Amino acid sequence: MTQKLVSSGAPTPGDYHRSILRLLGLAGEQMSAQSREGAYVSSELERLGCELLNISRGLDLNNENCFKTNTPAVDLLTRDRSLGVQITLELNISKVKKTLKKFGELTVPGGSLHGTQKLWILGLRLEPRTDPPTWKNTDPHNVVFGSFRSQLMLESLDSSKLERIERSLLQITGCQMTSEPSEQESLERIIEFMDRPAVYQYSKDEISWTKCMSALDAVALLINSGVKLDDGMNTAPVTGWTRPLPTLNPMLRTDLKTILKQVNAVKIAINRADPRSAMLDQHQSQFIDTERAKLRTIVNAFAKKHRIQPPFPMTRFVE
């Protein structure tokens, strides 16, 4: 079942959650590419880890490598030095064993990490076939192994913290737009973005219902948050492509919420048809196409009202 659109105007926690996961994946791809080219700088990953963990967990981590290059055992330390964090691009058994050994040597009286009781060893990615529980040869309450993403605990965060994490990732990955489009530019881009097969094709011709639903979700995401998400799986999201719904004037917000409401009606129609193959019977197709036709009519009327060329010629569909 596809998540129902919450058309309150503000991005939902689910919207932020999906955006953060995409941006984390992009950050990993960027750093891996840099590593292959010999241009990887570990401070970028440490900055990412420090910023995001501080936001999500309310910590006060500092990057130890800002003061001493390649600090052994840990990269990040809380201000009271009770928690140390080792963060790596890809976590494997060798890295864990090496970190545990060095951590044990440095936490003895007189050691540089004496008093540090907790250790997190996190990877942006986990090496295939790595089984974290087999590494736990110490107190599991004081040592945590595993993925960096899991320690962010995204599922438990409110929209305010999720927005801050997204903003940090946008800056780190270089996806942040440098200028904000005007209201008119935003409307034109929304209309252009909606001129896509998921909106104007007949149901009987639809090849992939998953792709159709994803396209409708992308339309809703763009209107709500200004984030452009194209169909390509490896295409980074573009934030600020349009102005987010809450920043527009009240009249535009009302008009766009009408479009969002009908986008949701199309999604509900598809869910009720419960398509189990690419082809639907005539009744199912008509049910979905009725809601699609309403959406196209609403969008065309919106375009005319705001002096934009209507995207859907009548020849494309039958009312």
C-alpha atoms as a PDB file:
ATOM      1  CA  MET A   1       0.000   0.000   0.000  1.00  0.00           C
ATOM      2  CA  THR A   2       1.441   3.356  -1.011  1.00  0.00           C
ATOM      3  CA  GLN A   3       1.615   5.932   1.750  1.00  0.00           C
ATOM      4  CA  LYS A   4      -1.258   8.402   1.542  1.00  0.00           C
ATOM      5  CA  LEU A   5      -0.383  11.981   0.863  1.00  0.00           C
ATOM      6  CA  VAL A   6      -0.582  14.318   3.814  1.00  0.00           C
ATOM      7  CA  SER A   7      -1.634  17.514   2.075  1.00  0.00           C
ATOM      8  CA  SER A   8      -1.203  19.869   4.999  1.00  0.00           C
ATOM      9  CA  GLY A   9       1.348  21.805   2.977  1.00  0.00           C
ATOM     10  CA  ALA A  10       4.418  20.831   5.023  1.00  0.00           C
ATOM     11  CA  PRO A  11       6.719  17.908   4.145  1.00  0.00           C
ATOM     12  CA  THR A  12       5.987  14.882   6.307  1.00  0.00           C
ATOM     13  CA  PRO A  13       8.607  13.021   8.391  1.00  0.00           C
ATOM     14  CA  GLY A  14       8.373  10.317   5.730  1.00  0.00           C
ATOM     15  CA  ASP A  15       9.315  12.845   3.027  1.00  0.00           C
ATOM     16  CA  TYR A  16      12.374  13.903   5.023  1.00  0.00           C
ATOM     17  CA  HIS A  17      13.251  10.304   5.881  1.00  0.00           C
ATOM     18  CA  ARG A  18      13.296   9.256   2.217  1.00  0.00           C
ATOM     19  CA  SER A  19      15.292  12.335   1.220  1.00  0.00           C
ATOM     20  CA  ILE A  20      17.895  11.692   3.950  1.00  0.00           C
ATOM     21  CA  LEU A  21      18.352   8.064   2.896  1.00  0.00           C
ATOM     22  CA  ARG A  22      18.887   9.129  -0.730  1.00  0.00           C
ATOM     23  CA  LEU A  23      21.384  11.796   0.304  1.00  0.00           C
ATOM     24  CA  LEU A  24      23.281   9.367   2.566  1.00  0.00           C
ATOM     25  CA  GLY A  25      23.528   6.996  -0.389  1.00  0.00           C
ATOM     26  CA  LEU A  26      24.778   9.833  -2.574  1.00  0.00           C
ATOM     27  CA  ALA A  27      27.378  10.836   0.021  1.00  0.00           C
ATOM     28  CA  GLY A  28      28.635   7.242   0.067  1.00  0.00           C
ATOM     29  CA  GLU A  29      28.873   7.138  -3.727  1.00  0.00           C
ATOM     30  CA  GLN A  30      30.749  10.439  -3.815  1.00  0.00           C
ATOM     31  CA  MET A  31      33.274   9.387  -1.167  1.00  0.00           C
ATOM     32  CA  SER A  32      33.766   5.961  -2.753  1.00  0.00           C
ATOM     33  CA  ALA A  33      34.477   7.613  -6.104  1.00  0.00           C
ATOM     34  CA  GLN A  34      36.965   9.958  -4.435  1.00  0.00           C
ATOM     35  CA  SER A  35      38.626   6.978  -2.762  1.00  0.00           C
ATOM     36  CA  ARG A  36      39.023   5.164  -6.085  1.00  0.00           C
ATOM     37  CA  GLU A  37      40.650   8.260  -7.568  1.00  0.00           C
ATOM     38  CA  GLY A  38      42.921   8.771  -4.577  1.00  0.00           C
ATOM     39  CA  ALA A  39      41.182  12.045  -3.691  1.00  0.00           C
ATOM     40  CA  TYR A  40      39.284  10.901  -0.590  1.00  0.00           C
ATOM     41  CA  VAL A  41      39.674  13.093   2.503  1.00  0.00           C
ATOM     42  CA  SER A  42      38.487  11.389   5.700  1.00  0.00           C
ATOM     43  CA  SER A  43      37.635  14.724   7.303  1.00  0.00           C
ATOM     44  CA  GLU A  44      34.542  14.923   5.060  1.00  0.00           C
ATOM     45  CA  LEU A  45      33.124  11.731   6.550  1.00  0.00           C
ATOM     46  CA  GLU A  46      34.078  12.842  10.065  1.00  0.00           C
ATOM     47  CA  ARG A  47      32.298  16.158   9.519  1.00  0.00           C
ATOM     48  CA  LEU A  48      29.208  14.307   8.306  1.00  0.00           C
ATOM     49  CA  GLY A  49      29.257  11.963  11.292  1.00  0.00           C
ATOM     50  CA  CYS A  50      29.824  14.728  13.810  1.00  0.00           C
ATOM     51  CA  GLU A  51      27.068  17.014  12.504  1.00  0.00           C
ATOM     52  CA  LEU A  52      24.427  14.338  12.040  1.00  0.00           C
ATOM     53  CA  LEU A  53      24.998  12.480  15.304  1.00  0.00           C
ATOM     54  CA  ASN A  54      24.951  15.728  17.261  1.00  0.00           C
ATOM     55  CA  ILE A  55      21.615  16.668  15.699  1.00  0.00           C
ATOM     56  CA  SER A  56      19.942  13.273  15.956  1.00  0.00           C
ATOM     57  CA  ARG A  57      21.224  12.122  19.353  1.00  0.00           C
ATOM     58  CA  GLY A  58      21.675  15.470  21.102  1.00  0.00           C
ATOM     59  CA  LEU A  59      25.391  14.828  21.584  1.00  0.00           C
ATOM     60  CA  ASP A  60      28.255  17.310  21.815  1.00  0.00           C
ATOM     61  CA  LEU A  61      30.812  15.441  19.714  1.00  0.00           C
ATOM     62  CA  ASN A  62      33.972  17.151  18.515  1.00  0.00           C
ATOM     63  CA  ASN A  63      36.192  16.050  15.663  1.00  0.00           C
ATOM     64  CA  GLU A  64      39.438  14.985  17.322  1.00  0.00           C
ATOM     65  CA  ASN A  65      41.248  14.984  13.993  1.00  0.00           C
ATOM     66  CA  CYS A  66      40.800  18.758  13.823  1.00  0.00           C
ATOM     67  CA  PHE A  67      43.445  18.937  16.551  1.00  0.00           C
ATOM     68  CA  LYS A  68      45.526  15.847  15.829  1.00  0.00           C
ATOM     69  CA  THR A  69      45.738  14.205  12.421  1.00  0.00           C
ATOM     70  CA  ASN A  70      44.466  10.627  12.344  1.00  0.00           C
ATOM     71  CA  THR A  71      43.741  10.234  16.057  1.00  0.00           C
ATOM     72  CA  PRO A  72      44.018   6.512  16.928  1.00  0.00           C
ATOM     73  CA  ALA A  73      40.944   4.460  17.898  1.00  0.00           C
ATOM     74  CA  VAL A  74      38.390   7.279  17.659  1.00  0.00           C
ATOM     75  CA  ASP A  75      37.599  10.133  15.274  1.00  0.00           C
ATOM     76  CA  LEU A  76      35.000  11.908  17.415  1.00  0.00           C
ATOM     77  CA  LEU A  77      34.785  12.491  21.167  1.00  0.00           C
ATOM     78  CA  THR A  78      32.082  14.018  23.321  1.00  0.00           C
ATOM     79  CA  ARG A  79      33.093  17.098  25.284  1.00  0.00           C
ATOM     80  CA  ASP A  80      33.240  15.110  28.535  1.00  0.00           C
ATOM     81  CA  ARG A  81      35.224  12.390  26.703  1.00  0.00           C
ATOM     82  CA  SER A  82      32.835   9.659  27.855  1.00  0.00           C
ATOM     83  CA  LEU A  83      31.951   8.540  24.300  1.00  0.00           C
ATOM     84  CA  GLY A  84      34.299   7.974  21.391  1.00  0.00           C
ATOM     85  CA  VAL A  85      33.163   7.343  17.823  1.00  0.00           C
ATOM     86  CA  GLN A  86      35.125   5.692  15.052  1.00  0.00           C
ATOM     87  CA  ILE A  87      33.491   6.270  11.665  1.00  0.00           C
ATOM     88  CA  THR A  88      34.647   4.712   8.425  1.00  0.00           C
ATOM     89  CA  LEU A  89      33.480   4.613   4.830  1.00  0.00           C
ATOM     90  CA  GLU A  90      33.150   0.809   4.814  1.00  0.00           C
ATOM     91  CA  LEU A  91      33.174  -1.188   8.007  1.00  0.00           C
ATOM     92  CA  ASN A  92      34.789  -4.629   8.064  1.00  0.00           C
ATOM     93  CA  ILE A  93      36.004  -7.129  10.648  1.00  0.00           C
ATOM     94  CA  SER A  94      39.621  -6.046  10.350  1.00  0.00           C
ATOM     95  CA  LYS A  95      38.740  -2.420  11.070  1.00  0.00           C
ATOM     96  CA  VAL A  96      36.691  -3.389  14.132  1.00  0.00           C
ATOM     97  CA  LYS A  97      39.387  -5.625  15.621  1.00  0.00           C
ATOM     98  CA  LYS A  98      42.071  -2.988  15.048  1.00  0.00           C
ATOM     99  CA  THR A  99      39.929  -0.262  16.645  1.00  0.00           C
ATOM    100  CA  LEU A 100      39.030  -2.405  19.672  1.00  0.00           C
ATOM    101  CA  LYS A 101      42.675  -3.298  20.262  1.00  0.00           C
ATOM    102  CA  LYS A 102      43.832   0.322  20.086  1.00  0.00           C
ATOM    103  CA  PHE A 103      40.900   1.534  22.209  1.00  0.00           C
ATOM    104  CA  GLY A 104      41.817  -0.974  24.923  1.00  0.00           C
ATOM    105  CA  GLU A 105      45.415   0.242  24.922  1.00  0.00           C
ATOM    106  CA  LEU A 106      44.472   3.921  25.198  1.00  0.00           C
ATOM    107  CA  THR A 107      41.772   3.679  27.899  1.00  0.00           C
ATOM    108  CA  VAL A 108      44.126   2.381  30.609  1.00  0.00           C
ATOM    109  CA  PRO A 109      45.147   4.851  33.371  1.00  0.00           C
ATOM    110  CA  GLY A 110      47.489   7.376  31.824  1.00  0.00           C
ATOM    111  CA  GLY A 111      46.280   6.618  28.315  1.00  0.00           C
ATOM    112  CA  SER A 112      45.038   9.402  26.033  1.00  0.00           C
ATOM    113  CA  LEU A 113      41.479   7.995  26.179  1.00  0.00           C
ATOM    114  CA  HIS A 114      41.390   7.179  29.873  1.00  0.00           C
ATOM    115  CA  GLY A 115      37.856   7.820  31.117  1.00  0.00           C
ATOM    116  CA  THR A 116      36.235   7.106  27.749  1.00  0.00           C
ATOM    117  CA  GLN A 117      33.783   4.350  28.615  1.00  0.00           C
ATOM    118  CA  LYS A 118      31.706   3.994  25.463  1.00  0.00           C
ATOM    119  CA  LEU A 119      32.812   3.306  21.897  1.00  0.00           C
ATOM    120  CA  TRP A 120      30.802   3.362  18.690  1.00  0.00           C
ATOM    121  CA  ILE A 121      32.375   1.824  15.596  1.00  0.00           C
ATOM    122  CA  LEU A 122      30.241   2.839  12.635  1.00  0.00           C
ATOM    123  CA  GLY A 123      30.416   2.420   8.895  1.00  0.00           C
ATOM    124  CA  LEU A 124      28.638   4.389   6.214  1.00  0.00           C
ATOM    125  CA  ARG A 125      28.483   0.956   4.606  1.00  0.00           C
ATOM    126  CA  LEU A 126      29.017  -2.545   5.934  1.00  0.00           C
ATOM    127  CA  GLU A 127      31.284  -4.947   4.098  1.00  0.00           C
ATOM    128  CA  PRO A 128      29.219  -7.764   2.509  1.00  0.00           C
ATOM    129  CA  ARG A 129      28.798 -10.856   4.699  1.00  0.00           C
ATOM    130  CA  THR A 130      29.936  -8.959   7.771  1.00  0.00           C
ATOM    131  CA  ASP A 131      28.224 -10.218  10.920  1.00  0.00           C
ATOM    132  CA  PRO A 132      28.555  -7.581  13.672  1.00  0.00           C
ATOM    133  CA  PRO A 133      27.508  -9.870  16.590  1.00  0.00           C
ATOM    134  CA  THR A 134      30.575 -12.077  16.040  1.00  0.00           C
ATOM    135  CA  TRP A 135      32.832  -9.123  16.816  1.00  0.00           C
ATOM    136  CA  LYS A 136      31.404  -8.448  20.261  1.00  0.00           C
ATOM    137  CA  ASN A 137      34.112  -9.648  22.603  1.00  0.00           C
ATOM    138  CA  THR A 138      33.451  -6.861  25.113  1.00  0.00           C
ATOM    139  CA  ASP A 139      30.562  -5.322  27.048  1.00  0.00           C
ATOM    140  CA  PRO A 140      27.761  -4.744  24.482  1.00  0.00           C
ATOM    141  CA  HIS A 141      26.405  -1.894  26.604  1.00  0.00           C
ATOM    142  CA  ASN A 142      29.624   0.071  26.147  1.00  0.00           C
ATOM    143  CA  VAL A 143      30.550  -0.877  22.572  1.00  0.00           C
ATOM    144  CA  VAL A 144      28.278  -0.464  19.552  1.00  0.00           C
ATOM    145  CA  PHE A 145      29.053  -1.822  16.088  1.00  0.00           C
ATOM    146  CA  GLY A 146      27.158  -1.402  12.872  1.00  0.00           C
ATOM    147  CA  SER A 147      25.830   1.052  10.345  1.00  0.00           C
ATOM    148  CA  PHE A 148      26.038   4.794  10.801  1.00  0.00           C
ATOM    149  CA  ARG A 149      22.479   5.170   9.502  1.00  0.00           C
ATOM    150  CA  SER A 150      21.038   2.977  12.267  1.00  0.00           C
ATOM    151  CA  GLN A 151      22.607   5.184  14.951  1.00  0.00           C
ATOM    152  CA  LEU A 152      20.829   8.244  13.562  1.00  0.00           C
ATOM    153  CA  MET A 153      17.522   6.695  14.699  1.00  0.00           C
ATOM    154  CA  LEU A 154      15.648   8.559  11.966  1.00  0.00           C
ATOM    155  CA  GLU A 155      12.361   6.837  12.757  1.00  0.00           C
ATOM    156  CA  SER A 156      12.184   8.497  16.183  1.00  0.00           C
ATOM    157  CA  LEU A 157      13.061  12.066  15.112  1.00  0.00           C
ATOM    158  CA  ASP A 158      10.632  14.926  14.647  1.00  0.00           C
ATOM    159  CA  SER A 159      10.407  17.010  11.470  1.00  0.00           C
ATOM    160  CA  SER A 160      12.586  19.779  12.891  1.00  0.00           C
ATOM    161  CA  LYS A 161      15.578  17.494  13.445  1.00  0.00           C
ATOM    162  CA  LEU A 162      15.000  15.660  10.166  1.00  0.00           C
ATOM    163  CA  GLU A 163      15.016  18.987   8.312  1.00  0.00           C
ATOM    164  CA  ARG A 164      18.324  19.954   9.954  1.00  0.00           C
ATOM    165  CA  ILE A 165      19.878  16.612   8.995  1.00  0.00           C
ATOM    166  CA  GLU A 166      18.643  16.991   5.419  1.00  0.00           C
ATOM    167  CA  ARG A 167      20.052  20.523   5.247  1.00  0.00           C
ATOM    168  CA  SER A 168      23.487  19.318   6.419  1.00  0.00           C
ATOM    169  CA  LEU A 169      23.501  16.499   3.883  1.00  0.00           C
ATOM    170  CA  LEU A 170      22.499  18.870   1.090  1.00  0.00           C
ATOM    171  CA  GLN A 171      25.501  21.041   1.884  1.00  0.00           C
ATOM    172  CA  ILE A 172      27.901  18.109   2.266  1.00  0.00           C
ATOM    173  CA  THR A 173      26.845  16.493  -1.020  1.00  0.00           C
ATOM    174  CA  GLY A 174      26.751  19.786  -2.915  1.00  0.00           C
ATOM    175  CA  CYS A 175      23.053  19.474  -3.794  1.00  0.00           C
ATOM    176  CA  GLN A 176      22.063  22.792  -2.217  1.00  0.00           C
ATOM    177  CA  MET A 177      20.678  25.259  -4.740  1.00  0.00           C
ATOM    178  CA  THR A 178      22.446  28.639  -4.699  1.00  0.00           C
ATOM    179  CA  SER A 179      19.389  30.747  -5.525  1.00  0.00           C
ATOM    180  CA  GLU A 180      15.679  30.511  -4.867  1.00  0.00           C
ATOM    181  CA  PRO A 181      13.291  30.604  -7.830  1.00  0.00           C
ATOM    182  CA  SER A 182      10.480  33.143  -7.935  1.00  0.00           C
ATOM    183  CA  GLU A 183       6.874  32.103  -7.361  1.00  0.00           C
ATOM    184  CA  GLN A 184       6.149  32.229 -11.092  1.00  0.00           C
ATOM    185  CA  GLU A 185       9.228  30.153 -11.928  1.00  0.00           C
ATOM    186  CA  SER A 186       8.150  27.649  -9.284  1.00  0.00           C
ATOM    187  CA  LEU A 187       4.675  27.324 -10.794  1.00  0.00           C
ATOM    188  CA  GLU A 188       6.072  26.891 -14.309  1.00  0.00           C
ATOM    189  CA  ARG A 189       8.452  24.179 -13.117  1.00  0.00           C
ATOM    190  CA  ILE A 190       5.659  22.360 -11.271  1.00  0.00           C
ATOM    191  CA  ILE A 191       3.483  22.367 -14.400  1.00  0.00           C
ATOM    192  CA  GLU A 192       6.379  21.201 -16.580  1.00  0.00           C
ATOM    193  CA  PHE A 193       7.201  18.432 -14.126  1.00  0.00           C
ATOM    194  CA  MET A 194       3.618  17.167 -14.175  1.00  0.00           C
ATOM    195  CA  ASP A 195       3.648  16.722 -17.969  1.00  0.00           C
ATOM    196  CA  ARG A 196       4.604  13.047 -17.641  1.00  0.00           C
ATOM    197  CA  PRO A 197       3.174   9.663 -18.660  1.00  0.00           C
ATOM    198  CA  ALA A 198       1.936   8.861 -15.145  1.00  0.00           C
ATOM    199  CA  VAL A 199      -0.535  11.714 -15.508  1.00  0.00           C
ATOM    200  CA  TYR A 200      -1.642  11.611 -19.130  1.00  0.00           C
ATOM    201  CA  GLN A 201      -1.353   7.967 -20.270  1.00  0.00           C
ATOM    202  CA  TYR A 202      -4.398   5.720 -20.374  1.00  0.00           C
ATOM    203  CA  SER A 203      -4.453   3.120 -17.597  1.00  0.00           C
ATOM    204  CA  LYS A 204      -4.669   0.288 -20.097  1.00  0.00           C
ATOM    205  CA  ASP A 205      -1.343   1.425 -21.563  1.00  0.00           C
ATOM    206  CA  GLU A 206       0.478   1.783 -18.276  1.00  0.00           C
ATOM    207  CA  ILE A 207       3.538  -0.475 -18.200  1.00  0.00           C
ATOM    208  CA  SER A 208       4.555  -0.265 -14.557  1.00  0.00           C
ATOM    209  CA  TRP A 209       2.157   0.668 -11.759  1.00  0.00           C
ATOM    210  CA  THR A 210       5.053   0.985  -9.346  1.00  0.00           C
ATOM    211  CA  LYS A 211       6.614   3.573 -11.626  1.00  0.00           C
ATOM    212  CA  CYS A 212       3.275   5.355 -11.944  1.00  0.00           C
ATOM    213  CA  MET A 213       2.850   5.614  -8.185  1.00  0.00           C
ATOM    214  CA  SER A 214       6.470   6.762  -7.781  1.00  0.00           C
ATOM    215  CA  ALA A 215       5.882   9.523 -10.322  1.00  0.00           C
ATOM    216  CA  LEU A 216       2.809  10.732  -8.452  1.00  0.00           C
ATOM    217  CA  ASP A 217       4.778  10.681  -5.191  1.00  0.00           C
ATOM    218  CA  ALA A 218       7.504  12.740  -6.890  1.00  0.00           C
ATOM    219  CA  VAL A 219       4.925  15.329  -7.955  1.00  0.00           C
ATOM    220  CA  ALA A 220       3.623  15.589  -4.383  1.00  0.00           C
ATOM    221  CA  LEU A 221       7.162  15.867  -2.998  1.00  0.00           C
ATOM    222  CA  LEU A 222       8.018  18.659  -5.434  1.00  0.00           C
ATOM    223  CA  ILE A 223       4.933  20.704  -4.565  1.00  0.00           C
ATOM    224  CA  ASN A 224       5.283  20.187  -0.822  1.00  0.00           C
ATOM    225  CA  SER A 225       9.023  20.653  -0.349  1.00  0.00           C
ATOM    226  CA  GLY A 226      10.491  22.000  -3.595  1.00  0.00           C
ATOM    227  CA  VAL A 227      12.642  18.883  -4.082  1.00  0.00           C
ATOM    228  CA  LYS A 228      12.865  17.569  -7.638  1.00  0.00           C
ATOM    229  CA  LEU A 229      13.249  13.802  -7.852  1.00  0.00           C
ATOM    230  CA  ASP A 230      13.605  12.394 -11.351  1.00  0.00           C
ATOM    231  CA  ASP A 231      12.902   8.841 -12.454  1.00  0.00           C
ATOM    232  CA  GLY A 232      16.577   7.888 -12.728  1.00  0.00           C
ATOM    233  CA  MET A 233      17.617   5.741  -9.771  1.00  0.00           C
ATOM    234  CA  ASN A 234      21.118   7.310  -9.651  1.00  0.00           C
ATOM    235  CA  THR A 235      19.985  10.899 -10.070  1.00  0.00           C
ATOM    236  CA  ALA A 236      20.535  13.006  -6.977  1.00  0.00           C
ATOM    237  CA  PRO A 237      17.507  14.924  -5.693  1.00  0.00           C
ATOM    238  CA  VAL A 238      17.620  18.643  -6.468  1.00  0.00           C
ATOM    239  CA  THR A 239      16.453  20.738  -3.571  1.00  0.00           C
ATOM    240  CA  GLY A 240      15.038  24.196  -4.100  1.00  0.00           C
ATOM    241  CA  TRP A 241      13.915  23.434  -7.640  1.00  0.00           C
ATOM    242  CA  THR A 242      10.668  25.132  -6.701  1.00  0.00           C
ATOM    243  CA  ARG A 243       9.728  27.130  -3.647  1.00  0.00           C
ATOM    244  CA  PRO A 244       8.231  24.908  -0.908  1.00  0.00           C
ATOM    245  CA  LEU A 245       4.474  25.116  -0.505  1.00  0.00           C
ATOM    246  CA  PRO A 246       4.551  26.822   2.933  1.00  0.00           C
ATOM    247  CA  THR A 247       6.563  29.753   1.487  1.00  0.00           C
ATOM    248  CA  LEU A 248       4.048  30.604  -1.255  1.00  0.00           C
ATOM    249  CA  ASN A 249       1.241  33.123  -0.890  1.00  0.00           C
ATOM    250  CA  PRO A 250      -2.075  31.861   0.569  1.00  0.00           C
ATOM    251  CA  MET A 251      -3.931  31.859  -2.775  1.00  0.00           C
ATOM    252  CA  LEU A 252      -1.279  29.688  -4.455  1.00  0.00           C
ATOM    253  CA  ARG A 253      -1.182  27.338  -1.475  1.00  0.00           C
ATOM    254  CA  THR A 254      -4.935  26.825  -1.743  1.00  0.00           C
ATOM    255  CA  ASP A 255      -4.746  26.115  -5.479  1.00  0.00           C
ATOM    256  CA  LEU A 256      -1.817  23.723  -5.122  1.00  0.00           C
ATOM    257  CA  LYS A 257      -3.503  21.863  -2.261  1.00  0.00           C
ATOM    258  CA  THR A 258      -6.401  21.215  -4.646  1.00  0.00           C
ATOM    259  CA  ILE A 259      -3.936  19.587  -7.043  1.00  0.00           C
ATOM    260  CA  LEU A 260      -2.379  17.581  -4.191  1.00  0.00           C
ATOM    261  CA  LYS A 261      -5.800  16.376  -3.099  1.00  0.00           C
ATOM    262  CA  GLN A 262      -6.521  15.080  -6.605  1.00  0.00           C
ATOM    263  CA  VAL A 263      -3.070  13.479  -6.901  1.00  0.00           C
ATOM    264  CA  ASN A 264      -3.986  11.545  -3.783  1.00  0.00           C
ATOM    265  CA  ALA A 265      -7.354  10.609  -5.331  1.00  0.00           C
ATOM    266  CA  VAL A 266      -5.544   9.066  -8.309  1.00  0.00           C
ATOM    267  CA  LYS A 267      -3.285   7.082  -5.978  1.00  0.00           C
ATOM    268  CA  ILE A 268      -6.287   5.835  -4.015  1.00  0.00           C
ATOM    269  CA  ALA A 269      -7.971   4.772  -7.271  1.00  0.00           C
ATOM    270  CA  ILE A 270      -4.904   2.754  -8.254  1.00  0.00           C
ATOM    271  CA  ASN A 271      -4.762   1.117  -4.829  1.00  0.00           C
ATOM    272  CA  ARG A 272      -8.454   0.187  -5.024  1.00  0.00           C
ATOM    273  CA  ALA A 273      -7.985  -1.327  -8.471  1.00  0.00           C
ATOM    274  CA  ASP A 274      -5.213  -3.429  -6.925  1.00  0.00           C
ATOM    275  CA  PRO A 275      -3.424  -3.998 -10.241  1.00  0.00           C
ATOM    276  CA  ARG A 276      -1.589  -7.314 -10.231  1.00  0.00           C
ATOM    277  CA  SER A 277      -0.276  -6.989 -13.781  1.00  0.00           C
ATOM    278  CA  ALA A 278       0.472  -4.289 -16.342  1.00  0.00           C
ATOM    279  CA  MET A 279      -2.966  -4.690 -17.930  1.00  0.00           C
ATOM    280  CA  LEU A 280      -6.271  -3.972 -16.182  1.00  0.00           C
ATOM    281  CA  ASP A 281      -9.792  -4.834 -17.208  1.00  0.00           C
ATOM    282  CA  GLN A 282     -12.016  -2.101 -18.664  1.00  0.00           C
ATOM    283  CA  HIS A 283     -13.762  -1.297 -15.384  1.00  0.00           C
ATOM    284  CA  GLN A 284     -10.486  -0.890 -13.491  1.00  0.00           C
ATOM    285  CA  SER A 285      -9.023   1.270 -16.252  1.00  0.00           C
ATOM    286  CA  GLN A 286     -12.064   3.531 -16.367  1.00  0.00           C
ATOM    287  CA  PHE A 287     -12.038   3.966 -12.595  1.00  0.00           C
ATOM    288  CA  ILE A 288      -8.426   5.154 -12.614  1.00  0.00           C
ATOM    289  CA  ASP A 289      -8.785   7.232 -15.794  1.00  0.00           C
ATOM    290  CA  THR A 290     -11.737   9.112 -14.346  1.00  0.00           C
ATOM    291  CA  GLU A 291      -9.548  10.373 -11.504  1.00  0.00           C
ATOM    292  CA  ARG A 292      -6.682  11.062 -13.907  1.00  0.00           C
ATOM    293  CA  ALA A 293      -8.967  13.110 -16.130  1.00  0.00           C
ATOM    294  CA  LYS A 294     -10.042  15.169 -13.118  1.00  0.00           C
ATOM    295  CA  LEU A 295      -6.406  15.787 -12.247  1.00  0.00           C
ATOM    296  CA  ARG A 296      -5.549  16.899 -15.779  1.00  0.00           C
ATOM    297  CA  THR A 297      -8.558  19.232 -15.832  1.00  0.00           C
ATOM    298  CA  ILE A 298      -7.561  20.776 -12.491  1.00  0.00           C
ATOM    299  CA  VAL A 299      -3.953  21.226 -13.604  1.00  0.00           C
ATOM    300  CA  ASN A 300      -4.961  22.809 -16.917  1.00  0.00           C
ATOM    301  CA  ALA A 301      -7.292  25.235 -15.122  1.00  0.00           C
ATOM    302  CA  PHE A 302      -4.527  26.092 -12.664  1.00  0.00           C
ATOM    303  CA  ALA A 303      -2.104  26.744 -15.530  1.00  0.00           C
ATOM    304  CA  LYS A 304      -4.547  29.048 -17.328  1.00  0.00           C
ATOM    305  CA  LYS A 305      -5.287  30.948 -14.126  1.00  0.00           C
ATOM    306  CA  HIS A 306      -1.602  31.659 -13.630  1.00  0.00           C
ATOM    307  CA  ARG A 307      -0.832  32.433 -17.283  1.00  0.00           C
ATOM    308  CA  ILE A 308       1.041  29.224 -18.046  1.00  0.00           C
ATOM    309  CA  GLN A 309       0.548  27.093 -21.136  1.00  0.00           C
ATOM    310  CA  PRO A 310      -1.790  24.211 -20.134  1.00  0.00           C
ATOM    311  CA  PRO A 311       0.249  20.983 -20.290  1.00  0.00           C
ATOM    312  CA  PHE A 312      -2.493  18.531 -21.312  1.00  0.00           C
ATOM    313  CA  PRO A 313      -4.077  18.921 -24.775  1.00  0.00           C
ATOM    314  CA  MET A 314      -7.553  17.440 -24.974  1.00  0.00           C
ATOM    315  CA  THR A 315      -6.385  15.063 -27.713  1.00  0.00           C
ATOM    316  CA  ARG A 316      -4.304  13.190 -25.172  1.00  0.00           C
ATOM    317  CA  PHE A 317      -7.287  11.777 -23.327  1.00  0.00           C
ATOM    318  CA  VAL A 318     -10.985  11.225 -23.495  1.00  0.00           C
ATOM    319  CA  GLU A 319     -13.153  12.746 -20.778  1.00  0.00           C
END
